[in-house]
Amino acid sequence: MFCKIAAGQIPADVVRETGTTVAFRDINPQAPTHVLVIPKVHHPDAASLAAAEPGIAADLLREAGQVAGEEKLESYRIVFNTGSGAGQTVFHAHAHVMGGRGMQWPPG
């Protein structure tokens, strides 16, 4: 599904796009601001992306920070879920940028 969003084949509420990433609002937000940042290339999780294409992994993190700034988040969390046991439901690397309320630690 995320490959199709990255290719523009499935509509999404896009907030930022670069040559290597797309950022869009989560359809099931877990915080007042919840944006997903994905690479345009497919890798199943963040660790695989970082091992294969560290420059694009860095782009993804940079864009997560840009999203937080544009969303005027004073504090925010960047989350990568890896594997179904950690809550990953779409096996395309992606970062969750969440903020707009206090975040408890540990998260769960």
N, C-alpha and C. Protein backbone atom coordinates (compact mmCIF):
# COMPACT_ATOMS: atom_id res chain seq x y z
N MET A 1 0.82 -1.19 0.00
CA MET A 1 0.00 0.00 0.00
C MET A 1 0.87 1.26 0.00
N PHE A 2 1.94 1.31 0.82
CA PHE A 2 2.77 2.51 0.89
C PHE A 2 3.53 2.73 -0.42
N CYS A 3 3.88 1.65 -1.11
CA CYS A 3 4.54 1.81 -2.42
C CYS A 3 3.60 2.56 -3.38
N LYS A 4 2.31 2.24 -3.32
CA LYS A 4 1.33 2.90 -4.19
C LYS A 4 1.12 4.36 -3.77
N ILE A 5 1.17 4.64 -2.48
CA ILE A 5 1.09 6.04 -2.03
C ILE A 5 2.31 6.80 -2.54
N ALA A 6 3.49 6.21 -2.39
CA ALA A 6 4.73 6.86 -2.84
C ALA A 6 4.70 7.13 -4.34
N ALA A 7 4.06 6.24 -5.09
CA ALA A 7 3.98 6.38 -6.54
C ALA A 7 2.82 7.29 -6.98
N GLY A 8 2.01 7.74 -6.01
CA GLY A 8 0.87 8.60 -6.35
C GLY A 8 -0.33 7.84 -6.88
N GLN A 9 -0.35 6.52 -6.70
CA GLN A 9 -1.45 5.69 -7.21
C GLN A 9 -2.60 5.57 -6.23
N ILE A 10 -2.34 5.85 -4.96
CA ILE A 10 -3.37 5.85 -3.91
C ILE A 10 -3.33 7.24 -3.28
N PRO A 11 -4.49 7.89 -3.12
CA PRO A 11 -4.47 9.23 -2.53
C PRO A 11 -4.12 9.19 -1.04
N ALA A 12 -3.47 10.25 -0.60
CA ALA A 12 -3.12 10.41 0.81
C ALA A 12 -3.10 11.91 1.10
N ASP A 13 -3.23 12.26 2.37
CA ASP A 13 -3.15 13.66 2.78
C ASP A 13 -1.67 14.01 2.96
N VAL A 14 -1.01 14.29 1.85
CA VAL A 14 0.43 14.53 1.83
C VAL A 14 0.74 15.90 2.42
N VAL A 15 1.70 15.92 3.36
CA VAL A 15 2.12 17.19 3.97
C VAL A 15 3.49 17.63 3.48
N ARG A 16 4.32 16.69 3.01
CA ARG A 16 5.63 17.01 2.44
C ARG A 16 6.02 15.90 1.46
N GLU A 17 6.81 16.29 0.47
CA GLU A 17 7.35 15.29 -0.44
C GLU A 17 8.69 15.78 -0.94
N THR A 18 9.66 14.86 -1.00
CA THR A 18 10.98 15.16 -1.54
C THR A 18 11.25 14.15 -2.65
N GLY A 19 12.44 14.18 -3.18
CA GLY A 19 12.81 13.20 -4.19
C GLY A 19 12.88 11.79 -3.66
N THR A 20 13.07 11.64 -2.33
CA THR A 20 13.24 10.30 -1.75
C THR A 20 12.19 9.91 -0.72
N THR A 21 11.35 10.86 -0.28
CA THR A 21 10.39 10.56 0.78
C THR A 21 9.02 11.19 0.50
N VAL A 22 8.02 10.64 1.18
CA VAL A 22 6.67 11.22 1.19
C VAL A 22 6.20 11.20 2.64
N ALA A 23 5.61 12.31 3.09
CA ALA A 23 5.04 12.39 4.43
C ALA A 23 3.55 12.67 4.30
N PHE A 24 2.75 11.89 5.03
CA PHE A 24 1.29 12.04 4.95
C PHE A 24 0.65 11.73 6.29
N ARG A 25 -0.54 12.27 6.49
CA ARG A 25 -1.26 12.07 7.76
C ARG A 25 -1.73 10.62 7.88
N ASP A 26 -1.57 10.08 9.09
CA ASP A 26 -2.02 8.72 9.38
C ASP A 26 -3.55 8.69 9.36
N ILE A 27 -4.12 7.65 8.75
CA ILE A 27 -5.59 7.56 8.69
C ILE A 27 -6.19 7.09 10.01
N ASN A 28 -5.36 6.63 10.94
CA ASN A 28 -5.82 6.21 12.27
C ASN A 28 -4.91 6.86 13.31
N PRO A 29 -5.00 8.19 13.46
CA PRO A 29 -4.03 8.89 14.31
C PRO A 29 -4.10 8.47 15.77
N GLN A 30 -2.90 8.36 16.36
CA GLN A 30 -2.77 8.00 17.77
C GLN A 30 -2.37 9.20 18.64
N ALA A 31 -2.30 10.37 18.02
CA ALA A 31 -1.98 11.62 18.71
C ALA A 31 -2.60 12.74 17.88
N PRO A 32 -2.76 13.93 18.46
CA PRO A 32 -3.34 15.04 17.68
C PRO A 32 -2.61 15.28 16.35
N THR A 33 -1.29 15.16 16.35
CA THR A 33 -0.53 15.18 15.11
C THR A 33 0.10 13.81 14.95
N HIS A 34 -0.19 13.17 13.83
CA HIS A 34 0.37 11.83 13.56
C HIS A 34 0.60 11.75 12.05
N VAL A 35 1.85 11.89 11.67
CA VAL A 35 2.24 11.89 10.26
C VAL A 35 3.20 10.73 10.03
N LEU A 36 3.03 10.03 8.92
CA LEU A 36 3.94 8.97 8.53
C LEU A 36 4.91 9.52 7.50
N VAL A 37 6.17 9.17 7.64
CA VAL A 37 7.19 9.54 6.66
C VAL A 37 7.74 8.23 6.09
N ILE A 38 7.64 8.08 4.77
CA ILE A 38 8.06 6.84 4.13
C ILE A 38 9.12 7.14 3.07
N PRO A 39 10.02 6.19 2.85
CA PRO A 39 10.92 6.33 1.70
C PRO A 39 10.15 5.93 0.44
N LYS A 40 10.55 6.48 -0.69
CA LYS A 40 9.91 6.09 -1.95
C LYS A 40 10.37 4.72 -2.42
N VAL A 41 11.53 4.27 -1.93
CA VAL A 41 12.00 2.92 -2.24
C VAL A 41 11.45 1.95 -1.21
N HIS A 42 11.26 0.71 -1.62
CA HIS A 42 10.68 -0.27 -0.70
C HIS A 42 11.76 -1.04 0.05
N HIS A 43 11.61 -1.03 1.37
CA HIS A 43 12.34 -1.91 2.28
C HIS A 43 11.34 -2.25 3.38
N PRO A 44 11.35 -3.46 3.90
CA PRO A 44 10.30 -3.88 4.82
C PRO A 44 10.29 -3.18 6.18
N ASP A 45 11.44 -2.66 6.62
CA ASP A 45 11.48 -2.00 7.92
C ASP A 45 12.67 -1.03 7.96
N ALA A 46 12.74 -0.26 9.03
CA ALA A 46 13.78 0.77 9.13
C ALA A 46 15.19 0.19 9.16
N ALA A 47 15.37 -0.94 9.82
CA ALA A 47 16.70 -1.54 9.89
C ALA A 47 17.16 -1.99 8.50
N SER A 48 16.26 -2.59 7.74
CA SER A 48 16.60 -3.01 6.38
C SER A 48 16.93 -1.80 5.51
N LEU A 49 16.16 -0.74 5.64
CA LEU A 49 16.41 0.49 4.89
C LEU A 49 17.79 1.04 5.24
N ALA A 50 18.09 1.14 6.53
CA ALA A 50 19.37 1.71 6.97
C ALA A 50 20.55 0.87 6.48
N ALA A 51 20.40 -0.45 6.48
CA ALA A 51 21.49 -1.32 6.03
C ALA A 51 21.71 -1.20 4.52
N ALA A 52 20.63 -1.11 3.76
CA ALA A 52 20.73 -1.09 2.30
C ALA A 52 20.99 0.30 1.73
N GLU A 53 20.36 1.31 2.34
CA GLU A 53 20.42 2.66 1.77
C GLU A 53 20.50 3.69 2.90
N PRO A 54 21.65 3.79 3.56
CA PRO A 54 21.77 4.70 4.71
C PRO A 54 21.48 6.16 4.37
N GLY A 55 21.76 6.59 3.17
CA GLY A 55 21.47 7.97 2.79
C GLY A 55 19.98 8.25 2.78
N ILE A 56 19.20 7.29 2.30
CA ILE A 56 17.74 7.48 2.28
C ILE A 56 17.19 7.36 3.69
N ALA A 57 17.78 6.52 4.53
CA ALA A 57 17.36 6.46 5.94
C ALA A 57 17.60 7.81 6.61
N ALA A 58 18.72 8.44 6.30
CA ALA A 58 18.99 9.77 6.85
C ALA A 58 17.99 10.79 6.31
N ASP A 59 17.64 10.69 5.03
CA ASP A 59 16.61 11.57 4.46
C ASP A 59 15.30 11.44 5.21
N LEU A 60 14.94 10.19 5.53
CA LEU A 60 13.69 9.94 6.23
C LEU A 60 13.69 10.61 7.60
N LEU A 61 14.79 10.49 8.33
CA LEU A 61 14.88 11.14 9.65
C LEU A 61 14.87 12.66 9.53
N ARG A 62 15.57 13.18 8.53
CA ARG A 62 15.59 14.63 8.32
C ARG A 62 14.17 15.13 8.02
N GLU A 63 13.46 14.41 7.19
CA GLU A 63 12.09 14.80 6.86
C GLU A 63 11.16 14.70 8.06
N ALA A 64 11.38 13.71 8.92
CA ALA A 64 10.58 13.62 10.15
C ALA A 64 10.75 14.90 10.97
N GLY A 65 11.97 15.39 11.07
CA GLY A 65 12.22 16.65 11.78
C GLY A 65 11.59 17.84 11.08
N GLN A 66 11.63 17.86 9.77
CA GLN A 66 10.99 18.94 9.01
C GLN A 66 9.48 18.94 9.22
N VAL A 67 8.88 17.76 9.20
CA VAL A 67 7.44 17.64 9.46
C VAL A 67 7.11 18.19 10.83
N ALA A 68 7.87 17.79 11.84
CA ALA A 68 7.62 18.27 13.21
C ALA A 68 7.70 19.79 13.26
N GLY A 69 8.68 20.38 12.58
CA GLY A 69 8.81 21.83 12.56
C GLY A 69 7.64 22.50 11.88
N GLU A 70 7.25 21.99 10.72
CA GLU A 70 6.12 22.57 9.99
C GLU A 70 4.81 22.41 10.73
N GLU A 71 4.69 21.34 11.50
CA GLU A 71 3.49 21.12 12.30
C GLU A 71 3.53 21.89 13.63
N LYS A 72 4.63 22.61 13.84
CA LYS A 72 4.83 23.43 15.05
C LYS A 72 4.78 22.60 16.33
N LEU A 73 5.40 21.42 16.26
CA LEU A 73 5.47 20.55 17.43
C LEU A 73 6.68 20.95 18.26
N GLU A 74 6.44 21.38 19.49
CA GLU A 74 7.52 21.72 20.40
C GLU A 74 8.23 20.47 20.90
N SER A 75 7.42 19.44 21.15
CA SER A 75 7.93 18.13 21.56
C SER A 75 7.24 17.10 20.68
N TYR A 76 7.96 16.06 20.33
CA TYR A 76 7.37 15.04 19.47
C TYR A 76 8.15 13.75 19.62
N ARG A 77 7.56 12.70 19.08
CA ARG A 77 8.17 11.38 19.12
C ARG A 77 8.27 10.87 17.68
N ILE A 78 9.40 10.26 17.36
CA ILE A 78 9.58 9.55 16.09
C ILE A 78 9.66 8.07 16.44
N VAL A 79 8.76 7.27 15.86
CA VAL A 79 8.67 5.85 16.19
C VAL A 79 8.82 5.02 14.93
N PHE A 80 9.65 3.97 15.03
CA PHE A 80 9.76 2.95 14.00
C PHE A 80 9.33 1.63 14.62
N ASN A 81 8.25 1.03 14.16
CA ASN A 81 7.85 -0.29 14.61
C ASN A 81 8.48 -1.31 13.66
N THR A 82 9.08 -2.35 14.21
CA THR A 82 9.72 -3.37 13.39
C THR A 82 9.20 -4.73 13.79
N GLY A 83 8.44 -5.34 12.90
CA GLY A 83 7.85 -6.65 13.15
C GLY A 83 6.45 -6.56 13.72
N SER A 84 5.66 -7.59 13.45
CA SER A 84 4.26 -7.58 13.89
C SER A 84 4.14 -7.54 15.41
N GLY A 85 5.09 -8.14 16.13
CA GLY A 85 5.05 -8.11 17.59
C GLY A 85 5.24 -6.72 18.17
N ALA A 86 5.82 -5.82 17.38
CA ALA A 86 6.01 -4.44 17.81
C ALA A 86 4.91 -3.52 17.28
N GLY A 87 3.95 -4.09 16.57
CA GLY A 87 2.84 -3.30 16.07
C GLY A 87 2.95 -2.89 14.61
N GLN A 88 3.97 -3.38 13.90
CA GLN A 88 4.09 -3.03 12.49
C GLN A 88 3.01 -3.77 11.71
N THR A 89 2.19 -3.02 10.96
CA THR A 89 1.12 -3.63 10.18
C THR A 89 1.32 -3.45 8.68
N VAL A 90 2.14 -2.48 8.29
CA VAL A 90 2.49 -2.28 6.88
C VAL A 90 3.99 -2.49 6.77
N PHE A 91 4.40 -3.46 5.99
CA PHE A 91 5.80 -3.84 5.92
C PHE A 91 6.53 -3.10 4.79
N HIS A 92 6.55 -1.79 4.99
CA HIS A 92 7.29 -0.82 4.18
C HIS A 92 7.84 0.14 5.22
N ALA A 93 9.14 0.35 5.25
CA ALA A 93 9.76 1.19 6.27
C ALA A 93 9.01 2.51 6.38
N HIS A 94 8.76 2.94 7.61
CA HIS A 94 8.10 4.23 7.83
C HIS A 94 8.32 4.70 9.25
N ALA A 95 8.36 6.01 9.38
CA ALA A 95 8.49 6.65 10.70
C ALA A 95 7.16 7.30 11.04
N HIS A 96 6.75 7.14 12.28
CA HIS A 96 5.58 7.84 12.81
C HIS A 96 6.10 9.10 13.50
N VAL A 97 5.61 10.25 13.12
CA VAL A 97 5.91 11.50 13.80
C VAL A 97 4.65 11.87 14.57
N MET A 98 4.75 11.84 15.91
CA MET A 98 3.57 12.06 16.75
C MET A 98 3.83 13.14 17.78
N GLY A 99 2.84 13.97 18.00
CA GLY A 99 2.95 15.02 19.00
C GLY A 99 1.62 15.73 19.17
N GLY A 100 1.68 16.84 19.90
CA GLY A 100 0.47 17.61 20.14
C GLY A 100 -0.17 17.31 21.48
N ARG A 101 0.41 16.42 22.25
CA ARG A 101 -0.03 16.11 23.62
C ARG A 101 1.15 15.50 24.34
N GLY A 102 1.04 15.40 25.66
CA GLY A 102 2.09 14.75 26.44
C GLY A 102 2.19 13.28 26.06
N MET A 103 3.39 12.77 26.03
CA MET A 103 3.62 11.36 25.69
C MET A 103 4.22 10.67 26.90
N GLN A 104 3.61 9.58 27.32
CA GLN A 104 4.12 8.84 28.47
C GLN A 104 5.30 7.97 28.08
N TRP A 105 6.15 7.68 29.06
CA TRP A 105 7.24 6.73 28.85
C TRP A 105 7.23 5.76 30.00
N PRO A 106 7.35 4.49 29.81
CA PRO A 106 7.50 3.83 28.53
C PRO A 106 6.19 3.83 27.75
N PRO A 107 6.27 3.71 26.43
CA PRO A 107 5.07 3.83 25.60
C PRO A 107 4.13 2.65 25.66
N GLY A 108 4.58 1.45 26.05
CA GLY A 108 3.61 0.37 26.10
C GLY A 108 4.18 -0.99 26.14
